[in-house]
Amino acid sequence: QGYNSKPVTLFFDGHVAVIGTSDFMEGDTRARVQAENNDICSQCPSNSSGCQTGLWSRDTPKGANGYYGNLSYDTLVDTSAVILTTDGASGRDYFGAK
């Protein structure tokens, strides 16, 4: 996958959509900035495994570059959207409006 690719994605709720990799990554950046600006991690339980401020988890065996991120054809992609979504099936994969 590349930054400008637009894969057809099957979501957990059963719908299918064509969403650009850049849309997933921009949504993740917006979520992380919003969480940091609002100090969300201070509200995490002390027994939690860590505060995940983005849209996908970065503390998995797949690493921070995501699910098969090492196989992307450009160096801009670092996404695990849909595969390692923070909060599982009840989490967000992307934000629609930019």
PDB file of N, CA and C in Angstrom:
ATOM      1  N   GLN A   1       0.835  -1.182   0.000  1.00  0.00           N
ATOM      2  CA  GLN A   1       0.000   0.000   0.000  1.00  0.00           C
ATOM      3  C   GLN A   1       0.876   1.241   0.000  1.00  0.00           C
ATOM      4  N   GLY A   2       0.350   2.287  -0.526  1.00  0.00           N
ATOM      5  CA  GLY A   2       1.048   3.550  -0.555  1.00  0.00           C
ATOM      6  C   GLY A   2       0.187   4.641   0.046  1.00  0.00           C
ATOM      7  N   TYR A   3       0.787   5.782   0.307  1.00  0.00           N
ATOM      8  CA  TYR A   3       0.076   6.887   0.942  1.00  0.00           C
ATOM      9  C   TYR A   3      -1.143   7.315   0.133  1.00  0.00           C
ATOM     10  N   ASN A   4      -1.044   7.284  -1.185  1.00  0.00           N
ATOM     11  CA  ASN A   4      -2.157   7.716  -2.036  1.00  0.00           C
ATOM     12  C   ASN A   4      -3.053   6.575  -2.491  1.00  0.00           C
ATOM     13  N   SER A   5      -2.827   5.358  -2.007  1.00  0.00           N
ATOM     14  CA  SER A   5      -3.679   4.239  -2.420  1.00  0.00           C
ATOM     15  C   SER A   5      -5.050   4.354  -1.764  1.00  0.00           C
ATOM     16  N   LYS A   6      -6.029   3.763  -2.401  1.00  0.00           N
ATOM     17  CA  LYS A   6      -7.403   3.764  -1.898  1.00  0.00           C
ATOM     18  C   LYS A   6      -7.937   2.332  -1.933  1.00  0.00           C
ATOM     19  N   PRO A   7      -7.606   1.546  -0.915  1.00  0.00           N
ATOM     20  CA  PRO A   7      -8.050   0.154  -0.913  1.00  0.00           C
ATOM     21  C   PRO A   7      -9.546   0.024  -0.621  1.00  0.00           C
ATOM     22  N   VAL A   8     -10.142  -1.019  -1.167  1.00  0.00           N
ATOM     23  CA  VAL A   8     -11.516  -1.377  -0.822  1.00  0.00           C
ATOM     24  C   VAL A   8     -11.436  -2.075   0.529  1.00  0.00           C
ATOM     25  N   THR A   9     -12.205  -1.596   1.496  1.00  0.00           N
ATOM     26  CA  THR A   9     -12.087  -2.066   2.868  1.00  0.00           C
ATOM     27  C   THR A   9     -13.403  -2.647   3.351  1.00  0.00           C
ATOM     28  N   LEU A  10     -13.349  -3.831   3.931  1.00  0.00           N
ATOM     29  CA  LEU A  10     -14.500  -4.460   4.566  1.00  0.00           C
ATOM     30  C   LEU A  10     -14.409  -4.171   6.060  1.00  0.00           C
ATOM     31  N   PHE A  11     -15.443  -3.539   6.617  1.00  0.00           N
ATOM     32  CA  PHE A  11     -15.457  -3.171   8.023  1.00  0.00           C
ATOM     33  C   PHE A  11     -16.174  -4.234   8.846  1.00  0.00           C
ATOM     34  N   PHE A  12     -15.933  -4.225  10.150  1.00  0.00           N
ATOM     35  CA  PHE A  12     -16.488  -5.226  11.052  1.00  0.00           C
ATOM     36  C   PHE A  12     -18.013  -5.241  11.024  1.00  0.00           C
ATOM     37  N   ASP A  13     -18.629  -4.084  10.822  1.00  0.00           N
ATOM     38  CA  ASP A  13     -20.093  -4.031  10.801  1.00  0.00           C
ATOM     39  C   ASP A  13     -20.679  -4.528   9.480  1.00  0.00           C
ATOM     40  N   GLY A  14     -19.821  -4.909   8.532  1.00  0.00           N
ATOM     41  CA  GLY A  14     -20.282  -5.497   7.281  1.00  0.00           C
ATOM     42  C   GLY A  14     -20.295  -4.563   6.092  1.00  0.00           C
ATOM     43  N   HIS A  15     -20.109  -3.265   6.295  1.00  0.00           N
ATOM     44  CA  HIS A  15     -20.131  -2.371   5.137  1.00  0.00           C
ATOM     45  C   HIS A  15     -18.766  -2.358   4.451  1.00  0.00           C
ATOM     46  N   VAL A  16     -18.789  -2.010   3.185  1.00  0.00           N
ATOM     47  CA  VAL A  16     -17.587  -1.946   2.363  1.00  0.00           C
ATOM     48  C   VAL A  16     -17.439  -0.518   1.867  1.00  0.00           C
ATOM     49  N   ALA A  17     -16.215   0.010   1.886  1.00  0.00           N
ATOM     50  CA  ALA A  17     -15.983   1.383   1.429  1.00  0.00           C
ATOM     51  C   ALA A  17     -14.594   1.500   0.815  1.00  0.00           C
ATOM     52  N   VAL A  18     -14.454   2.449  -0.091  1.00  0.00           N
ATOM     53  CA  VAL A  18     -13.154   2.789  -0.661  1.00  0.00           C
ATOM     54  C   VAL A  18     -12.661   4.020   0.091  1.00  0.00           C
ATOM     55  N   ILE A  19     -11.622   3.841   0.886  1.00  0.00           N
ATOM     56  CA  ILE A  19     -11.103   4.928   1.721  1.00  0.00           C
ATOM     57  C   ILE A  19      -9.594   4.977   1.543  1.00  0.00           C
ATOM     58  N   GLY A  20      -9.086   6.160   1.313  1.00  0.00           N
ATOM     59  CA  GLY A  20      -7.658   6.322   1.090  1.00  0.00           C
ATOM     60  C   GLY A  20      -6.828   6.087   2.333  1.00  0.00           C
ATOM     61  N   THR A  21      -5.662   5.521   2.137  1.00  0.00           N
ATOM     62  CA  THR A  21      -4.720   5.325   3.235  1.00  0.00           C
ATOM     63  C   THR A  21      -4.403   6.659   3.903  1.00  0.00           C
ATOM     64  N   SER A  22      -4.298   7.715   3.109  1.00  0.00           N
ATOM     65  CA  SER A  22      -4.025   9.039   3.672  1.00  0.00           C
ATOM     66  C   SER A  22      -5.159   9.493   4.584  1.00  0.00           C
ATOM     67  N   ASP A  23      -6.412   9.118   4.274  1.00  0.00           N
ATOM     68  CA  ASP A  23      -7.540   9.481   5.136  1.00  0.00           C
ATOM     69  C   ASP A  23      -7.434   8.806   6.503  1.00  0.00           C
ATOM     70  N   PHE A  24      -7.045   7.526   6.505  1.00  0.00           N
ATOM     71  CA  PHE A  24      -6.838   6.830   7.777  1.00  0.00           C
ATOM     72  C   PHE A  24      -5.742   7.509   8.585  1.00  0.00           C
ATOM     73  N   MET A  25      -4.635   7.824   7.929  1.00  0.00           N
ATOM     74  CA  MET A  25      -3.494   8.404   8.635  1.00  0.00           C
ATOM     75  C   MET A  25      -3.783   9.819   9.123  1.00  0.00           C
ATOM     76  N   GLU A  26      -4.472  10.626   8.333  1.00  0.00           N
ATOM     77  CA  GLU A  26      -4.816  11.982   8.758  1.00  0.00           C
ATOM     78  C   GLU A  26      -5.792  11.945   9.927  1.00  0.00           C
ATOM     79  N   GLY A  27      -6.738  11.016   9.909  1.00  0.00           N
ATOM     80  CA  GLY A  27      -7.663  10.866  11.029  1.00  0.00           C
ATOM     81  C   GLY A  27      -6.941  10.466  12.304  1.00  0.00           C
ATOM     82  N   ASP A  28      -5.967   9.584  12.175  1.00  0.00           N
ATOM     83  CA  ASP A  28      -5.174   9.160  13.323  1.00  0.00           C
ATOM     84  C   ASP A  28      -4.402  10.335  13.909  1.00  0.00           C
ATOM     85  N   THR A  29      -3.816  11.147  13.055  1.00  0.00           N
ATOM     86  CA  THR A  29      -3.082  12.330  13.524  1.00  0.00           C
ATOM     87  C   THR A  29      -4.019  13.280  14.252  1.00  0.00           C
ATOM     88  N   ARG A  30      -5.207  13.506  13.702  1.00  0.00           N
ATOM     89  CA  ARG A  30      -6.178  14.390  14.357  1.00  0.00           C
ATOM     90  C   ARG A  30      -6.586  13.846  15.718  1.00  0.00           C
ATOM     91  N   ALA A  31      -6.803  12.535  15.816  1.00  0.00           N
ATOM     92  CA  ALA A  31      -7.187  11.927  17.093  1.00  0.00           C
ATOM     93  C   ALA A  31      -6.072  12.058  18.121  1.00  0.00           C
ATOM     94  N   ARG A  32      -4.833  11.847  17.702  1.00  0.00           N
ATOM     95  CA  ARG A  32      -3.701  11.942  18.624  1.00  0.00           C
ATOM     96  C   ARG A  32      -3.508  13.367  19.121  1.00  0.00           C
ATOM     97  N   VAL A  33      -3.606  14.343  18.233  1.00  0.00           N
ATOM     98  CA  VAL A  33      -3.458  15.749  18.630  1.00  0.00           C
ATOM     99  C   VAL A  33      -4.572  16.144  19.590  1.00  0.00           C
ATOM    100  N   GLN A  34      -5.807  15.750  19.286  1.00  0.00           N
ATOM    101  CA  GLN A  34      -6.932  16.082  20.160  1.00  0.00           C
ATOM    102  C   GLN A  34      -6.754  15.439  21.539  1.00  0.00           C
ATOM    103  N   ALA A  35      -6.324  14.187  21.583  1.00  0.00           N
ATOM    104  CA  ALA A  35      -6.121  13.507  22.864  1.00  0.00           C
ATOM    105  C   ALA A  35      -5.024  14.179  23.680  1.00  0.00           C
ATOM    106  N   GLU A  36      -3.944  14.563  23.014  1.00  0.00           N
ATOM    107  CA  GLU A  36      -2.848  15.224  23.723  1.00  0.00           C
ATOM    108  C   GLU A  36      -3.244  16.615  24.195  1.00  0.00           C
ATOM    109  N   ASN A  37      -3.988  17.355  23.377  1.00  0.00           N
ATOM    110  CA  ASN A  37      -4.425  18.694  23.776  1.00  0.00           C
ATOM    111  C   ASN A  37      -5.387  18.655  24.954  1.00  0.00           C
ATOM    112  N   ASN A  38      -6.142  17.565  25.082  1.00  0.00           N
ATOM    113  CA  ASN A  38      -7.113  17.430  26.170  1.00  0.00           C
ATOM    114  C   ASN A  38      -6.607  16.543  27.305  1.00  0.00           C
ATOM    115  N   ASP A  39      -5.333  16.178  27.270  1.00  0.00           N
ATOM    116  CA  ASP A  39      -4.694  15.370  28.312  1.00  0.00           C
ATOM    117  C   ASP A  39      -5.513  14.121  28.651  1.00  0.00           C
ATOM    118  N   ILE A  40      -5.906  13.391  27.631  1.00  0.00           N
ATOM    119  CA  ILE A  40      -6.733  12.199  27.792  1.00  0.00           C
ATOM    120  C   ILE A  40      -6.028  11.126  28.617  1.00  0.00           C
ATOM    121  N   CYS A  41      -4.725  11.000  28.463  1.00  0.00           N
ATOM    122  CA  CYS A  41      -3.998   9.931  29.159  1.00  0.00           C
ATOM    123  C   CYS A  41      -4.036  10.073  30.675  1.00  0.00           C
ATOM    124  N   SER A  42      -4.269  11.271  31.183  1.00  0.00           N
ATOM    125  CA  SER A  42      -4.362  11.432  32.631  1.00  0.00           C
ATOM    126  C   SER A  42      -5.634  10.788  33.171  1.00  0.00           C
ATOM    127  N   GLN A  43      -6.591  10.483  32.297  1.00  0.00           N
ATOM    128  CA  GLN A  43      -7.851   9.869  32.705  1.00  0.00           C
ATOM    129  C   GLN A  43      -7.843   8.351  32.561  1.00  0.00           C
ATOM    130  N   CYS A  44      -6.744   7.777  32.040  1.00  0.00           N
ATOM    131  CA  CYS A  44      -6.650   6.322  31.883  1.00  0.00           C
ATOM    132  C   CYS A  44      -6.485   5.675  33.250  1.00  0.00           C
ATOM    133  N   PRO A  45      -7.091   4.520  33.468  1.00  0.00           N
ATOM    134  CA  PRO A  45      -6.895   3.820  34.741  1.00  0.00           C
ATOM    135  C   PRO A  45      -5.421   3.473  34.941  1.00  0.00           C
ATOM    136  N   SER A  46      -4.971   3.514  36.179  1.00  0.00           N
ATOM    137  CA  SER A  46      -3.554   3.257  36.453  1.00  0.00           C
ATOM    138  C   SER A  46      -3.161   1.818  36.139  1.00  0.00           C
ATOM    139  N   ASN A  47      -4.108   0.903  36.120  1.00  0.00           N
ATOM    140  CA  ASN A  47      -3.792  -0.495  35.832  1.00  0.00           C
ATOM    141  C   ASN A  47      -3.910  -0.821  34.343  1.00  0.00           C
ATOM    142  N   SER A  48      -4.150   0.185  33.504  1.00  0.00           N
ATOM    143  CA  SER A  48      -4.260  -0.071  32.068  1.00  0.00           C
ATOM    144  C   SER A  48      -2.874  -0.292  31.471  1.00  0.00           C
ATOM    145  N   SER A  49      -2.840  -0.907  30.306  1.00  0.00           N
ATOM    146  CA  SER A  49      -1.555  -1.236  29.679  1.00  0.00           C
ATOM    147  C   SER A  49      -0.913  -0.038  29.009  1.00  0.00           C
ATOM    148  N   GLY A  50      -1.543   1.080  29.043  1.00  0.00           N
ATOM    149  CA  GLY A  50      -0.988   2.278  28.423  1.00  0.00           C
ATOM    150  C   GLY A  50      -2.081   3.074  27.740  1.00  0.00           C
ATOM    151  N   CYS A  51      -1.782   4.288  27.463  1.00  0.00           N
ATOM    152  CA  CYS A  51      -2.765   5.167  26.844  1.00  0.00           C
ATOM    153  C   CYS A  51      -2.586   5.128  25.328  1.00  0.00           C
ATOM    154  N   GLN A  52      -3.619   4.753  24.616  1.00  0.00           N
ATOM    155  CA  GLN A  52      -3.606   4.721  23.154  1.00  0.00           C
ATOM    156  C   GLN A  52      -4.366   5.948  22.664  1.00  0.00           C
ATOM    157  N   THR A  53      -3.659   6.925  22.141  1.00  0.00           N
ATOM    158  CA  THR A  53      -4.308   8.170  21.737  1.00  0.00           C
ATOM    159  C   THR A  53      -4.715   8.193  20.278  1.00  0.00           C
ATOM    160  N   GLY A  54      -4.209   7.302  19.477  1.00  0.00           N
ATOM    161  CA  GLY A  54      -4.540   7.280  18.054  1.00  0.00           C
ATOM    162  C   GLY A  54      -5.713   6.373  17.761  1.00  0.00           C
ATOM    163  N   LEU A  55      -5.963   6.159  16.475  1.00  0.00           N
ATOM    164  CA  LEU A  55      -7.081   5.320  16.062  1.00  0.00           C
ATOM    165  C   LEU A  55      -6.729   3.842  16.024  1.00  0.00           C
ATOM    166  N   TRP A  56      -5.449   3.500  16.052  1.00  0.00           N
ATOM    167  CA  TRP A  56      -5.057   2.084  16.108  1.00  0.00           C
ATOM    168  C   TRP A  56      -3.940   1.892  17.110  1.00  0.00           C
ATOM    169  N   SER A  57      -3.847   0.676  17.607  1.00  0.00           N
ATOM    170  CA  SER A  57      -2.889   0.329  18.647  1.00  0.00           C
ATOM    171  C   SER A  57      -1.480   0.201  18.090  1.00  0.00           C
ATOM    172  N   ARG A  58      -0.531   0.750  18.811  1.00  0.00           N
ATOM    173  CA  ARG A  58       0.868   0.696  18.395  1.00  0.00           C
ATOM    174  C   ARG A  58       1.717  -0.197  19.297  1.00  0.00           C
ATOM    175  N   ASP A  59       1.099  -0.813  20.291  1.00  0.00           N
ATOM    176  CA  ASP A  59       1.860  -1.654  21.222  1.00  0.00           C
ATOM    177  C   ASP A  59       1.581  -3.141  21.003  1.00  0.00           C
ATOM    178  N   THR A  60       1.518  -3.546  19.759  1.00  0.00           N
ATOM    179  CA  THR A  60       1.286  -4.945  19.413  1.00  0.00           C
ATOM    180  C   THR A  60       2.574  -5.559  18.859  1.00  0.00           C
ATOM    181  N   PRO A  61       2.615  -6.855  18.687  1.00  0.00           N
ATOM    182  CA  PRO A  61       3.793  -7.479  18.076  1.00  0.00           C
ATOM    183  C   PRO A  61       4.074  -6.973  16.654  1.00  0.00           C
ATOM    184  N   LYS A  62       3.091  -6.358  16.001  1.00  0.00           N
ATOM    185  CA  LYS A  62       3.296  -5.816  14.651  1.00  0.00           C
ATOM    186  C   LYS A  62       4.140  -4.546  14.678  1.00  0.00           C
ATOM    187  N   GLY A  63       4.277  -3.924  15.847  1.00  0.00           N
ATOM    188  CA  GLY A  63       5.106  -2.731  15.971  1.00  0.00           C
ATOM    189  C   GLY A  63       4.384  -1.447  15.599  1.00  0.00           C
ATOM    190  N   ALA A  64       5.085  -0.348  15.718  1.00  0.00           N
ATOM    191  CA  ALA A  64       4.504   0.976  15.482  1.00  0.00           C
ATOM    192  C   ALA A  64       4.180   1.230  14.015  1.00  0.00           C
ATOM    193  N   ASN A  65       4.833   0.535  13.093  1.00  0.00           N
ATOM    194  CA  ASN A  65       4.565   0.744  11.666  1.00  0.00           C
ATOM    195  C   ASN A  65       3.330   0.025  11.180  1.00  0.00           C
ATOM    196  N   GLY A  66       2.734  -0.780  12.009  1.00  0.00           N
ATOM    197  CA  GLY A  66       1.460  -1.376  11.674  1.00  0.00           C
ATOM    198  C   GLY A  66       1.510  -2.729  10.987  1.00  0.00           C
ATOM    199  N   TYR A  67       0.345  -3.158  10.623  1.00  0.00           N
ATOM    200  CA  TYR A  67       0.117  -4.459  10.011  1.00  0.00           C
ATOM    201  C   TYR A  67       0.718  -4.481   8.614  1.00  0.00           C
ATOM    202  N   TYR A  68       1.782  -5.215   8.431  1.00  0.00           N
ATOM    203  CA  TYR A  68       2.527  -5.311   7.171  1.00  0.00           C
ATOM    204  C   TYR A  68       3.042  -3.959   6.691  1.00  0.00           C
ATOM    205  N   GLY A  69       3.287  -3.042   7.608  1.00  0.00           N
ATOM    206  CA  GLY A  69       3.818  -1.733   7.246  1.00  0.00           C
ATOM    207  C   GLY A  69       5.182  -1.800   6.595  1.00  0.00           C
ATOM    208  N   ASN A  70       5.934  -2.823   6.919  1.00  0.00           N
ATOM    209  CA  ASN A  70       7.261  -2.964   6.321  1.00  0.00           C
ATOM    210  C   ASN A  70       7.193  -3.368   4.847  1.00  0.00           C
ATOM    211  N   LEU A  71       6.011  -3.729   4.351  1.00  0.00           N
ATOM    212  CA  LEU A  71       5.859  -4.125   2.953  1.00  0.00           C
ATOM    213  C   LEU A  71       5.276  -3.023   2.073  1.00  0.00           C
ATOM    214  N   SER A  72       4.996  -1.856   2.644  1.00  0.00           N
ATOM    215  CA  SER A  72       4.456  -0.768   1.824  1.00  0.00           C
ATOM    216  C   SER A  72       5.530  -0.282   0.857  1.00  0.00           C
ATOM    217  N   TYR A  73       5.102   0.191  -0.302  1.00  0.00           N
ATOM    218  CA  TYR A  73       6.080   0.584  -1.320  1.00  0.00           C
ATOM    219  C   TYR A  73       6.605   1.996  -1.148  1.00  0.00           C
ATOM    220  N   ASP A  74       6.104   2.738  -0.192  1.00  0.00           N
ATOM    221  CA  ASP A  74       6.712   4.029   0.131  1.00  0.00           C
ATOM    222  C   ASP A  74       6.922   4.121   1.636  1.00  0.00           C
ATOM    223  N   THR A  75       7.664   5.109   2.062  1.00  0.00           N
ATOM    224  CA  THR A  75       8.026   5.221   3.475  1.00  0.00           C
ATOM    225  C   THR A  75       7.074   6.107   4.267  1.00  0.00           C
ATOM    226  N   LEU A  76       6.020   6.591   3.657  1.00  0.00           N
ATOM    227  CA  LEU A  76       5.081   7.465   4.347  1.00  0.00           C
ATOM    228  C   LEU A  76       4.009   6.703   5.117  1.00  0.00           C
ATOM    229  N   VAL A  77       3.784   5.447   4.761  1.00  0.00           N
ATOM    230  CA  VAL A  77       2.672   4.695   5.335  1.00  0.00           C
ATOM    231  C   VAL A  77       3.055   4.088   6.677  1.00  0.00           C
ATOM    232  N   ASP A  78       2.229   4.357   7.690  1.00  0.00           N
ATOM    233  CA  ASP A  78       2.363   3.706   8.996  1.00  0.00           C
ATOM    234  C   ASP A  78       0.971   3.547   9.590  1.00  0.00           C
ATOM    235  N   THR A  79       0.195   2.669   9.015  1.00  0.00           N
ATOM    236  CA  THR A  79      -1.187   2.519   9.425  1.00  0.00           C
ATOM    237  C   THR A  79      -1.547   1.080   9.747  1.00  0.00           C
ATOM    238  N   SER A  80      -2.369   0.927  10.749  1.00  0.00           N
ATOM    239  CA  SER A  80      -2.986  -0.358  11.062  1.00  0.00           C
ATOM    240  C   SER A  80      -4.490  -0.169  11.135  1.00  0.00           C
ATOM    241  N   ALA A  81      -5.001   0.764  10.363  1.00  0.00           N
ATOM    242  CA  ALA A  81      -6.435   1.030  10.349  1.00  0.00           C
ATOM    243  C   ALA A  81      -7.188  -0.237   9.994  1.00  0.00           C
ATOM    244  N   VAL A  82      -8.321  -0.416  10.621  1.00  0.00           N
ATOM    245  CA  VAL A  82      -9.246  -1.529  10.433  1.00  0.00           C
ATOM    246  C   VAL A  82      -8.727  -2.814  11.097  1.00  0.00           C
ATOM    247  N   ILE A  83      -7.435  -3.082  11.046  1.00  0.00           N
ATOM    248  CA  ILE A  83      -6.875  -4.324  11.587  1.00  0.00           C
ATOM    249  C   ILE A  83      -6.649  -4.232  13.101  1.00  0.00           C
ATOM    250  N   LEU A  84      -5.998  -3.186  13.573  1.00  0.00           N
ATOM    251  CA  LEU A  84      -5.641  -3.051  14.990  1.00  0.00           C
ATOM    252  C   LEU A  84      -6.294  -1.816  15.606  1.00  0.00           C
ATOM    253  N   THR A  85      -7.568  -1.610  15.326  1.00  0.00           N
ATOM    254  CA  THR A  85      -8.285  -0.423  15.789  1.00  0.00           C
ATOM    255  C   THR A  85      -8.308  -0.352  17.317  1.00  0.00           C
ATOM    256  N   THR A  86      -7.957   0.819  17.852  1.00  0.00           N
ATOM    257  CA  THR A  86      -8.032   1.043  19.290  1.00  0.00           C
ATOM    258  C   THR A  86      -9.476   0.842  19.741  1.00  0.00           C
ATOM    259  N   ASP A  87      -9.684   0.124  20.818  1.00  0.00           N
ATOM    260  CA  ASP A  87     -10.997  -0.236  21.358  1.00  0.00           C
ATOM    261  C   ASP A  87     -11.724  -1.265  20.496  1.00  0.00           C
ATOM    262  N   GLY A  88     -10.990  -1.976  19.654  1.00  0.00           N
ATOM    263  CA  GLY A  88     -11.571  -3.076  18.880  1.00  0.00           C
ATOM    264  C   GLY A  88     -12.691  -2.648  17.955  1.00  0.00           C
ATOM    265  N   ALA A  89     -13.708  -3.485  17.853  1.00  0.00           N
ATOM    266  CA  ALA A  89     -14.803  -3.233  16.918  1.00  0.00           C
ATOM    267  C   ALA A  89     -15.609  -1.996  17.280  1.00  0.00           C
ATOM    268  N   SER A  90     -15.539  -1.550  18.532  1.00  0.00           N
ATOM    269  CA  SER A  90     -16.281  -0.346  18.917  1.00  0.00           C
ATOM    270  C   SER A  90     -15.458   0.923  18.720  1.00  0.00           C
ATOM    271  N   GLY A  91     -14.227   0.783  18.256  1.00  0.00           N
ATOM    272  CA  GLY A  91     -13.371   1.945  18.010  1.00  0.00           C
ATOM    273  C   GLY A  91     -13.626   2.577  16.654  1.00  0.00           C
ATOM    274  N   ARG A  92     -12.975   3.708  16.406  1.00  0.00           N
ATOM    275  CA  ARG A  92     -13.112   4.414  15.128  1.00  0.00           C
ATOM    276  C   ARG A  92     -11.969   4.032  14.212  1.00  0.00           C
ATOM    277  N   ASP A  93     -12.272   3.895  12.925  1.00  0.00           N
ATOM    278  CA  ASP A  93     -11.241   3.610  11.933  1.00  0.00           C
ATOM    279  C   ASP A  93     -10.732   4.884  11.275  1.00  0.00           C
ATOM    280  N   TYR A  94     -11.604   5.854  11.107  1.00  0.00           N
ATOM    281  CA  TYR A  94     -11.234   7.109  10.453  1.00  0.00           C
ATOM    282  C   TYR A  94     -12.273   8.162  10.799  1.00  0.00           C
ATOM    283  N   PHE A  95     -11.950   9.427  10.497  1.00  0.00           N
ATOM    284  CA  PHE A  95     -12.893  10.530  10.623  1.00  0.00           C
ATOM    285  C   PHE A  95     -13.275  10.947   9.222  1.00  0.00           C
ATOM    286  N   GLY A  96     -14.553  11.125   8.951  1.00  0.00           N
ATOM    287  CA  GLY A  96     -15.001  11.414   7.596  1.00  0.00           C
ATOM    288  C   GLY A  96     -14.589  12.772   7.059  1.00  0.00           C
ATOM    289  N   ALA A  97     -14.955  13.834   7.731  1.00  0.00           N
ATOM    290  CA  ALA A  97     -14.693  15.186   7.219  1.00  0.00           C
ATOM    291  C   ALA A  97     -13.294  15.632   7.601  1.00  0.00           C
ATOM    292  N   LYS A  98     -12.658  16.321   6.668  1.00  0.00           N
ATOM    293  CA  LYS A  98     -11.314  16.843   6.945  1.00  0.00           C
ATOM    294  C   LYS A  98     -11.400  18.273   7.412  1.00  0.00           C
TER     295      LYS A  98
END
